[in-house]
């Protein structure tokens, strides 16, 4: 009786194992995702001075990439506020990591990633300075 139970289990389990393997989501390729720069301004309180700089790159700031409310990746801007993150095609929301209680506006930013393309963005954050 134990052999019969084993054969029946294998008979039903093997097709499901094959199904589970074919349902895996492919990894993003090196040309699909989001890249660009993030800047922040104003950089000082009060009115902008004639010929003065009003914004600067948002350097070394951590962000989370969410899809359907779930964090799927995270990244950090470099010293120039630039970043590049590989993602599968789809719709994403990008927010500053650990933003609770922070002054200013650091997203959310929305991005639609198309198959085989790097979405180029230039996002501006509001520092909250006035």
Foldseek 3Di string as FASTA:
>chain_A
DVVVVVVVCCVVVVVVVVVVVVPDDDFFDPAWEEKEFEKEFQPAADDADVVHDTIATPAFFKKFKDDPRHTDDIDTAHRRRIDTDTDDFAKIWMATPPCVPAAWFGDRDIDGIDHRHYHYDYHYIYNNHD
